[in-house]
């Protein structure tokens, strides 16, 4: 069973932490939304909330991105995000 999105919720001020290919640095990708998702896992129907981000021309589950580490709120990131935006 492919994941079925039941509902989406805003993810204001939430970011996915993504490491680069070498694992030497971490970037912050803003979440687009949280999705209430239903899927099958070991013959059981599972419902969970999963983060989503915009990549190229589609929204994808952030936790499936290569290098995905964790989620953080903007207030937890603090000055790291300001420095990252200044570098870009």
N, C-alpha and C. Protein backbone atom coordinates (compact mmCIF):
# COMPACT_ATOMS: atom_id res chain seq x y z
N UNK A 1 0.85 -1.18 0.00
CA UNK A 1 0.00 0.00 0.00
C UNK A 1 0.90 1.24 0.00
N UNK A 2 0.73 2.08 -0.99
CA UNK A 2 1.45 3.35 -1.02
C UNK A 2 0.90 4.26 0.08
N UNK A 3 1.75 5.13 0.61
CA UNK A 3 1.25 6.06 1.64
C UNK A 3 0.07 6.89 1.11
N UNK A 4 -0.94 7.02 1.92
CA UNK A 4 -2.12 7.79 1.56
C UNK A 4 -2.20 8.99 2.49
N UNK A 5 -2.16 10.19 1.93
CA UNK A 5 -2.25 11.40 2.74
C UNK A 5 -3.71 11.67 3.09
N UNK A 6 -3.99 11.71 4.37
CA UNK A 6 -5.35 11.93 4.84
C UNK A 6 -5.63 13.40 5.11
N UNK A 7 -4.59 14.13 5.53
CA UNK A 7 -4.77 15.52 5.92
C UNK A 7 -3.41 16.20 5.92
N UNK A 8 -3.38 17.49 5.61
CA UNK A 8 -2.13 18.24 5.73
C UNK A 8 -2.32 19.41 6.68
N UNK A 9 -1.23 19.77 7.37
CA UNK A 9 -1.26 20.86 8.34
C UNK A 9 -0.06 21.76 8.09
N UNK A 10 -0.17 23.06 8.31
CA UNK A 10 0.96 23.96 8.11
C UNK A 10 2.13 23.59 9.01
N UNK A 11 3.33 23.88 8.53
CA UNK A 11 4.54 23.60 9.31
C UNK A 11 5.36 24.88 9.47
N UNK A 12 4.67 25.95 9.82
CA UNK A 12 5.34 27.24 9.99
C UNK A 12 6.48 27.12 10.99
N UNK A 13 7.63 27.69 10.63
CA UNK A 13 8.80 27.75 11.50
C UNK A 13 9.44 26.39 11.79
N UNK A 14 9.16 25.38 10.98
CA UNK A 14 9.80 24.07 11.13
C UNK A 14 10.76 23.84 9.97
N UNK A 15 11.90 23.21 10.28
CA UNK A 15 12.93 22.94 9.28
C UNK A 15 13.42 21.50 9.41
N UNK A 16 13.80 20.91 8.27
CA UNK A 16 14.46 19.61 8.26
C UNK A 16 15.96 19.85 8.24
N UNK A 17 16.69 19.13 9.06
CA UNK A 17 18.15 19.19 9.05
C UNK A 17 18.63 18.12 8.08
N UNK A 18 19.41 18.54 7.10
CA UNK A 18 19.89 17.64 6.06
C UNK A 18 21.41 17.76 5.99
N UNK A 19 22.11 16.61 6.04
CA UNK A 19 23.57 16.66 5.91
C UNK A 19 23.95 16.51 4.44
N UNK A 20 25.12 17.04 4.08
CA UNK A 20 25.58 16.90 2.70
C UNK A 20 26.10 15.48 2.47
N UNK A 21 26.52 15.19 1.24
CA UNK A 21 26.95 13.84 0.87
C UNK A 21 28.09 13.33 1.74
N UNK A 22 29.00 14.20 2.11
CA UNK A 22 30.15 13.79 2.91
C UNK A 22 29.84 13.77 4.41
N UNK A 23 28.71 14.35 4.80
CA UNK A 23 28.37 14.42 6.21
C UNK A 23 29.16 15.47 6.97
N UNK A 24 29.81 16.37 6.22
CA UNK A 24 30.66 17.37 6.87
C UNK A 24 29.91 18.64 7.26
N UNK A 25 28.75 18.88 6.67
CA UNK A 25 27.98 20.07 7.04
C UNK A 25 26.49 19.75 7.01
N UNK A 26 25.75 20.61 7.68
CA UNK A 26 24.30 20.44 7.80
C UNK A 26 23.61 21.67 7.25
N UNK A 27 22.53 21.46 6.49
CA UNK A 27 21.72 22.55 5.98
C UNK A 27 20.31 22.45 6.53
N UNK A 28 19.59 23.55 6.43
CA UNK A 28 18.21 23.60 6.92
C UNK A 28 17.28 23.79 5.73
N UNK A 29 16.32 22.89 5.60
CA UNK A 29 15.34 22.95 4.52
C UNK A 29 13.98 23.26 5.15
N UNK A 30 13.31 24.36 4.77
CA UNK A 30 12.02 24.68 5.39
C UNK A 30 10.96 23.65 5.04
N UNK A 31 10.19 23.24 6.03
CA UNK A 31 9.09 22.31 5.76
C UNK A 31 7.95 23.04 5.09
N UNK A 32 7.29 22.34 4.19
CA UNK A 32 6.11 22.88 3.54
C UNK A 32 4.88 22.61 4.39
N UNK A 33 4.80 21.38 4.92
CA UNK A 33 3.65 20.99 5.74
C UNK A 33 3.97 19.72 6.50
N UNK A 34 3.06 19.37 7.40
CA UNK A 34 3.04 18.05 8.01
C UNK A 34 1.86 17.32 7.40
N UNK A 35 2.04 16.04 7.11
CA UNK A 35 0.96 15.25 6.51
C UNK A 35 0.57 14.11 7.45
N UNK A 36 -0.73 13.96 7.65
CA UNK A 36 -1.25 12.79 8.35
C UNK A 36 -1.34 11.69 7.30
N UNK A 37 -0.54 10.64 7.46
CA UNK A 37 -0.37 9.64 6.42
C UNK A 37 -0.78 8.27 6.93
N UNK A 38 -1.46 7.53 6.07
CA UNK A 38 -1.84 6.16 6.38
C UNK A 38 -1.06 5.24 5.44
N UNK A 39 -0.42 4.22 5.99
CA UNK A 39 0.34 3.27 5.17
C UNK A 39 0.29 1.90 5.82
N UNK A 40 0.79 0.92 5.08
CA UNK A 40 0.81 -0.44 5.59
C UNK A 40 2.24 -0.78 6.01
N UNK A 41 2.38 -1.34 7.20
CA UNK A 41 3.69 -1.74 7.71
C UNK A 41 3.55 -3.11 8.36
N UNK A 42 4.19 -4.12 7.77
CA UNK A 42 4.13 -5.49 8.27
C UNK A 42 2.69 -5.94 8.47
N UNK A 43 1.88 -5.78 7.43
CA UNK A 43 0.48 -6.20 7.39
C UNK A 43 -0.44 -5.43 8.33
N UNK A 44 0.04 -4.33 8.91
CA UNK A 44 -0.79 -3.48 9.77
C UNK A 44 -0.94 -2.11 9.12
N UNK A 45 -2.10 -1.51 9.28
CA UNK A 45 -2.32 -0.15 8.81
C UNK A 45 -1.81 0.79 9.89
N UNK A 46 -0.91 1.70 9.50
CA UNK A 46 -0.28 2.63 10.43
C UNK A 46 -0.64 4.05 10.01
N UNK A 47 -0.99 4.88 10.98
CA UNK A 47 -1.26 6.29 10.73
C UNK A 47 -0.24 7.10 11.50
N UNK A 48 0.44 8.02 10.79
CA UNK A 48 1.48 8.83 11.42
C UNK A 48 1.54 10.21 10.78
N UNK A 49 2.16 11.13 11.48
CA UNK A 49 2.39 12.47 10.96
C UNK A 49 3.80 12.52 10.42
N UNK A 50 3.95 12.97 9.16
CA UNK A 50 5.26 13.01 8.52
C UNK A 50 5.51 14.39 7.93
N UNK A 51 6.76 14.85 7.99
CA UNK A 51 7.10 16.17 7.45
C UNK A 51 7.28 16.11 5.94
N UNK A 52 6.94 17.21 5.26
CA UNK A 52 7.11 17.29 3.81
C UNK A 52 7.85 18.57 3.44
N UNK A 53 8.66 18.48 2.38
CA UNK A 53 9.39 19.63 1.85
C UNK A 53 9.17 19.72 0.35
N UNK A 54 9.43 20.90 -0.19
CA UNK A 54 9.31 21.13 -1.62
C UNK A 54 10.68 20.87 -2.24
N UNK A 55 10.78 19.95 -3.19
CA UNK A 55 12.02 19.64 -3.90
C UNK A 55 11.75 19.73 -5.40
N UNK A 56 12.45 20.63 -6.05
CA UNK A 56 12.29 20.86 -7.50
C UNK A 56 10.83 21.20 -7.82
N UNK A 57 10.07 20.24 -8.33
CA UNK A 57 8.69 20.52 -8.75
C UNK A 57 7.65 19.71 -8.00
N UNK A 58 8.05 19.12 -6.86
CA UNK A 58 7.11 18.28 -6.12
C UNK A 58 7.38 18.33 -4.62
N UNK A 59 6.36 17.99 -3.87
CA UNK A 59 6.54 17.84 -2.43
C UNK A 59 6.89 16.39 -2.14
N UNK A 60 7.87 16.20 -1.25
CA UNK A 60 8.30 14.85 -0.87
C UNK A 60 8.38 14.77 0.65
N UNK A 61 8.39 13.55 1.14
CA UNK A 61 8.53 13.35 2.58
C UNK A 61 9.97 13.67 2.97
N UNK A 62 10.14 14.58 3.89
CA UNK A 62 11.47 15.01 4.32
C UNK A 62 12.25 13.86 4.93
N UNK A 63 11.57 12.97 5.64
CA UNK A 63 12.27 11.87 6.30
C UNK A 63 12.76 10.80 5.33
N UNK A 64 12.45 10.94 4.03
CA UNK A 64 12.96 10.03 3.01
C UNK A 64 14.12 10.64 2.23
N UNK A 65 14.46 11.90 2.49
CA UNK A 65 15.57 12.54 1.80
C UNK A 65 16.90 11.95 2.27
N UNK A 66 17.82 11.78 1.32
CA UNK A 66 19.15 11.33 1.69
C UNK A 66 19.80 12.39 2.57
N UNK A 67 20.36 11.97 3.67
CA UNK A 67 21.00 12.89 4.59
C UNK A 67 20.08 13.47 5.65
N UNK A 68 18.78 13.06 5.66
CA UNK A 68 17.85 13.57 6.67
C UNK A 68 18.35 13.21 8.06
N UNK A 69 18.37 14.21 8.96
CA UNK A 69 18.83 13.99 10.32
C UNK A 69 17.67 14.09 11.32
N UNK A 70 16.98 15.23 11.29
CA UNK A 70 15.96 15.49 12.31
C UNK A 70 15.16 16.71 11.90
N UNK A 71 14.21 17.10 12.76
CA UNK A 71 13.42 18.31 12.57
C UNK A 71 13.73 19.28 13.69
N UNK A 72 13.68 20.57 13.38
CA UNK A 72 13.86 21.60 14.41
C UNK A 72 12.94 22.77 14.13
N UNK A 73 12.51 23.41 15.21
CA UNK A 73 11.73 24.64 15.09
C UNK A 73 12.69 25.80 14.92
N UNK A 74 12.23 26.87 14.33
CA UNK A 74 13.05 28.04 14.08
C UNK A 74 13.70 28.55 15.36
N UNK A 75 12.95 28.59 16.46
CA UNK A 75 13.50 29.11 17.72
C UNK A 75 14.62 28.22 18.26
N UNK A 76 14.63 26.93 17.92
CA UNK A 76 15.70 26.03 18.36
C UNK A 76 16.95 26.21 17.52
N UNK A 77 16.78 26.62 16.26
CA UNK A 77 17.90 26.79 15.35
C UNK A 77 18.69 28.05 15.70
N UNK A 78 17.97 29.12 16.01
CA UNK A 78 18.60 30.37 16.44
C UNK A 78 19.49 30.98 15.38
N UNK A 79 20.70 31.35 15.79
CA UNK A 79 21.63 32.07 14.92
C UNK A 79 22.16 31.21 13.78
N UNK A 80 22.10 29.89 13.88
CA UNK A 80 22.61 29.04 12.81
C UNK A 80 21.92 29.34 11.48
N UNK A 81 20.60 29.56 11.51
CA UNK A 81 19.87 29.84 10.28
C UNK A 81 20.25 31.20 9.72
N UNK A 82 20.43 32.20 10.57
CA UNK A 82 20.85 33.53 10.11
C UNK A 82 22.19 33.44 9.40
N UNK A 83 23.13 32.70 9.96
CA UNK A 83 24.45 32.54 9.34
C UNK A 83 24.34 31.81 8.02
N UNK A 84 23.49 30.80 7.94
CA UNK A 84 23.31 30.05 6.71
C UNK A 84 22.74 30.94 5.62
N UNK A 85 21.74 31.78 5.94
CA UNK A 85 21.13 32.66 4.96
C UNK A 85 22.11 33.73 4.50
N UNK A 86 22.99 34.20 5.39
CA UNK A 86 23.98 35.19 5.01
C UNK A 86 25.00 34.59 4.04
N UNK A 87 25.33 33.31 4.20
CA UNK A 87 26.29 32.64 3.34
C UNK A 87 25.76 32.44 1.92
N UNK A 88 24.44 32.35 1.78
CA UNK A 88 23.85 32.06 0.47
C UNK A 88 23.70 33.26 -0.39
